[in-house]
Amino acid sequence: MLKKEEEMLLAVKERQAKVKLMIMTWQFLVIALGLLFPVLLSSGNVSVSAIILLKYPSVLYNLDWMYS
């Protein structure tokens, strides 16, 4: 009985670690896009910038946070 509970606890911890890794990866991607966005916009790459904004609107919130 105790062995089964330990296995379940271990499985939950593994799932939590995977979710945390996914969240950290998404945060990194959003920050990277937020840093890349002004460079693309200033270089005249408006179509790429528009695609990024349409696909990841959270980049705007990231920019607001970084430049305020």
N, C-alpha and C. Protein backbone atom coordinates (compact mmCIF):
# COMPACT_ATOMS: atom_id res chain seq x y z
N MET A 1 0.83 -1.20 0.00
CA MET A 1 0.00 0.00 0.00
C MET A 1 0.87 1.26 0.00
N LEU A 2 1.89 1.26 0.84
CA LEU A 2 2.77 2.42 0.95
C LEU A 2 3.56 2.63 -0.35
N LYS A 3 3.95 1.53 -0.97
CA LYS A 3 4.71 1.60 -2.22
C LYS A 3 3.87 2.27 -3.32
N LYS A 4 2.59 1.92 -3.39
CA LYS A 4 1.71 2.49 -4.41
C LYS A 4 1.55 4.01 -4.19
N GLU A 5 1.42 4.44 -2.93
CA GLU A 5 1.30 5.87 -2.63
C GLU A 5 2.57 6.62 -3.02
N GLU A 6 3.72 5.99 -2.76
CA GLU A 6 4.98 6.62 -3.14
C GLU A 6 5.09 6.76 -4.65
N GLU A 7 4.66 5.75 -5.38
CA GLU A 7 4.69 5.81 -6.85
C GLU A 7 3.77 6.91 -7.37
N MET A 8 2.59 7.03 -6.76
CA MET A 8 1.65 8.08 -7.19
C MET A 8 2.23 9.45 -6.89
N LEU A 9 2.85 9.61 -5.72
CA LEU A 9 3.46 10.89 -5.35
C LEU A 9 4.59 11.25 -6.31
N LEU A 10 5.38 10.25 -6.67
CA LEU A 10 6.47 10.47 -7.61
C LEU A 10 5.93 10.88 -8.98
N ALA A 11 4.85 10.24 -9.41
CA ALA A 11 4.24 10.58 -10.70
C ALA A 11 3.72 12.02 -10.69
N VAL A 12 3.12 12.43 -9.59
CA VAL A 12 2.61 13.81 -9.48
C VAL A 12 3.77 14.80 -9.53
N LYS A 13 4.85 14.48 -8.83
CA LYS A 13 6.01 15.39 -8.84
C LYS A 13 6.62 15.49 -10.23
N GLU A 14 6.67 14.36 -10.95
CA GLU A 14 7.20 14.40 -12.33
C GLU A 14 6.32 15.27 -13.22
N ARG A 15 5.00 15.13 -13.08
CA ARG A 15 4.09 15.96 -13.88
C ARG A 15 4.26 17.44 -13.55
N GLN A 16 4.41 17.75 -12.26
CA GLN A 16 4.60 19.15 -11.86
C GLN A 16 5.89 19.70 -12.46
N ALA A 17 6.94 18.89 -12.47
CA ALA A 17 8.21 19.34 -13.05
C ALA A 17 8.07 19.59 -14.54
N LYS A 18 7.32 18.73 -15.24
CA LYS A 18 7.12 18.92 -16.69
C LYS A 18 6.33 20.19 -16.96
N VAL A 19 5.29 20.43 -16.17
CA VAL A 19 4.48 21.63 -16.35
C VAL A 19 5.31 22.88 -16.07
N LYS A 20 6.11 22.84 -15.02
CA LYS A 20 6.96 23.98 -14.68
C LYS A 20 7.95 24.27 -15.80
N LEU A 21 8.52 23.21 -16.39
CA LEU A 21 9.44 23.38 -17.50
C LEU A 21 8.74 24.00 -18.71
N MET A 22 7.51 23.54 -18.99
CA MET A 22 6.76 24.10 -20.11
C MET A 22 6.47 25.58 -19.89
N ILE A 23 6.08 25.94 -18.66
CA ILE A 23 5.78 27.34 -18.35
C ILE A 23 7.03 28.20 -18.50
N MET A 24 8.16 27.70 -18.01
CA MET A 24 9.41 28.45 -18.12
C MET A 24 9.82 28.62 -19.58
N THR A 25 9.58 27.59 -20.39
CA THR A 25 9.90 27.67 -21.82
C THR A 25 9.06 28.73 -22.50
N TRP A 26 7.74 28.74 -22.19
CA TRP A 26 6.86 29.76 -22.79
C TRP A 26 7.25 31.16 -22.34
N GLN A 27 7.61 31.31 -21.06
CA GLN A 27 8.03 32.63 -20.58
C GLN A 27 9.27 33.09 -21.32
N PHE A 28 10.21 32.18 -21.53
CA PHE A 28 11.43 32.52 -22.26
C PHE A 28 11.10 32.94 -23.69
N LEU A 29 10.20 32.19 -24.34
CA LEU A 29 9.84 32.52 -25.72
C LEU A 29 9.16 33.88 -25.82
N VAL A 30 8.27 34.17 -24.86
CA VAL A 30 7.58 35.46 -24.89
C VAL A 30 8.57 36.60 -24.66
N ILE A 31 9.51 36.41 -23.73
CA ILE A 31 10.51 37.45 -23.48
C ILE A 31 11.41 37.62 -24.71
N ALA A 32 11.80 36.51 -25.33
CA ALA A 32 12.64 36.59 -26.53
C ALA A 32 11.91 37.31 -27.65
N LEU A 33 10.62 36.99 -27.83
CA LEU A 33 9.84 37.70 -28.86
C LEU A 33 9.69 39.17 -28.51
N GLY A 34 9.52 39.46 -27.23
CA GLY A 34 9.41 40.85 -26.80
C GLY A 34 10.67 41.64 -27.06
N LEU A 35 11.82 41.01 -26.92
CA LEU A 35 13.08 41.68 -27.21
C LEU A 35 13.32 41.80 -28.70
N LEU A 36 12.84 40.79 -29.45
CA LEU A 36 13.05 40.78 -30.89
C LEU A 36 12.09 41.73 -31.62
N PHE A 37 10.93 41.95 -31.02
CA PHE A 37 9.89 42.74 -31.68
C PHE A 37 10.34 44.15 -32.05
N PRO A 38 10.91 44.93 -31.12
CA PRO A 38 11.34 46.29 -31.52
C PRO A 38 12.42 46.27 -32.59
N VAL A 39 13.29 45.27 -32.56
CA VAL A 39 14.34 45.18 -33.59
C VAL A 39 13.71 44.94 -34.96
N LEU A 40 12.75 44.03 -35.02
CA LEU A 40 12.08 43.76 -36.30
C LEU A 40 11.31 44.97 -36.77
N LEU A 41 10.66 45.66 -35.85
CA LEU A 41 9.86 46.82 -36.22
C LEU A 41 10.76 47.95 -36.72
N SER A 42 11.88 48.17 -36.04
CA SER A 42 12.75 49.28 -36.44
C SER A 42 13.50 48.96 -37.74
N SER A 43 13.67 47.67 -38.04
CA SER A 43 14.38 47.33 -39.28
C SER A 43 13.44 47.33 -40.49
N GLY A 44 12.17 47.65 -40.26
CA GLY A 44 11.23 47.73 -41.36
C GLY A 44 10.59 46.40 -41.71
N ASN A 45 10.75 45.43 -40.85
CA ASN A 45 10.17 44.11 -41.10
C ASN A 45 8.76 44.07 -40.52
N VAL A 46 7.88 44.85 -41.11
CA VAL A 46 6.54 45.04 -40.54
C VAL A 46 5.70 43.77 -40.65
N SER A 47 5.85 43.03 -41.74
CA SER A 47 5.02 41.82 -41.90
C SER A 47 5.35 40.78 -40.83
N VAL A 48 6.63 40.60 -40.53
CA VAL A 48 7.01 39.65 -39.48
C VAL A 48 6.50 40.15 -38.13
N SER A 49 6.62 41.45 -37.89
CA SER A 49 6.13 42.02 -36.64
C SER A 49 4.63 41.84 -36.49
N ALA A 50 3.90 42.01 -37.57
CA ALA A 50 2.45 41.84 -37.52
C ALA A 50 2.08 40.39 -37.24
N ILE A 51 2.82 39.46 -37.85
CA ILE A 51 2.55 38.04 -37.60
C ILE A 51 2.81 37.71 -36.12
N ILE A 52 3.90 38.24 -35.58
CA ILE A 52 4.21 37.99 -34.16
C ILE A 52 3.10 38.55 -33.28
N LEU A 53 2.64 39.76 -33.59
CA LEU A 53 1.59 40.37 -32.76
C LEU A 53 0.28 39.60 -32.85
N LEU A 54 -0.06 39.12 -34.04
CA LEU A 54 -1.31 38.37 -34.18
C LEU A 54 -1.23 37.02 -33.47
N LYS A 55 -0.07 36.40 -33.53
CA LYS A 55 0.08 35.07 -32.95
C LYS A 55 0.32 35.13 -31.45
N TYR A 56 1.08 36.14 -31.00
CA TYR A 56 1.44 36.25 -29.57
C TYR A 56 1.15 37.66 -29.06
N PRO A 57 -0.11 37.97 -28.77
CA PRO A 57 -0.43 39.33 -28.30
C PRO A 57 0.19 39.64 -26.93
N SER A 58 0.62 38.62 -26.20
CA SER A 58 1.22 38.88 -24.89
C SER A 58 2.56 39.61 -25.02
N VAL A 59 3.12 39.66 -26.24
CA VAL A 59 4.37 40.40 -26.45
C VAL A 59 4.17 41.87 -26.08
N LEU A 60 2.99 42.41 -26.38
CA LEU A 60 2.73 43.81 -26.06
C LEU A 60 2.77 44.06 -24.55
N TYR A 61 2.20 43.13 -23.79
CA TYR A 61 2.25 43.28 -22.33
C TYR A 61 3.69 43.20 -21.84
N ASN A 62 4.46 42.34 -22.46
CA ASN A 62 5.86 42.19 -22.09
C ASN A 62 6.63 43.48 -22.39
N LEU A 63 6.36 44.10 -23.54
CA LEU A 63 7.02 45.35 -23.89
C LEU A 63 6.63 46.45 -22.91
N ASP A 64 5.36 46.50 -22.56
CA ASP A 64 4.89 47.50 -21.62
C ASP A 64 5.61 47.36 -20.28
N TRP A 65 5.81 46.12 -19.86
CA TRP A 65 6.48 45.86 -18.60
C TRP A 65 7.96 46.23 -18.67
N MET A 66 8.60 45.95 -19.82
CA MET A 66 10.05 46.19 -19.93
C MET A 66 10.38 47.67 -20.07
N TYR A 67 9.55 48.42 -20.78
CA TYR A 67 9.91 49.80 -21.09
C TYR A 67 9.22 50.83 -20.21
N SER A 68 8.54 50.38 -19.15
CA SER A 68 7.88 51.37 -18.28
C SER A 68 8.67 51.56 -17.01
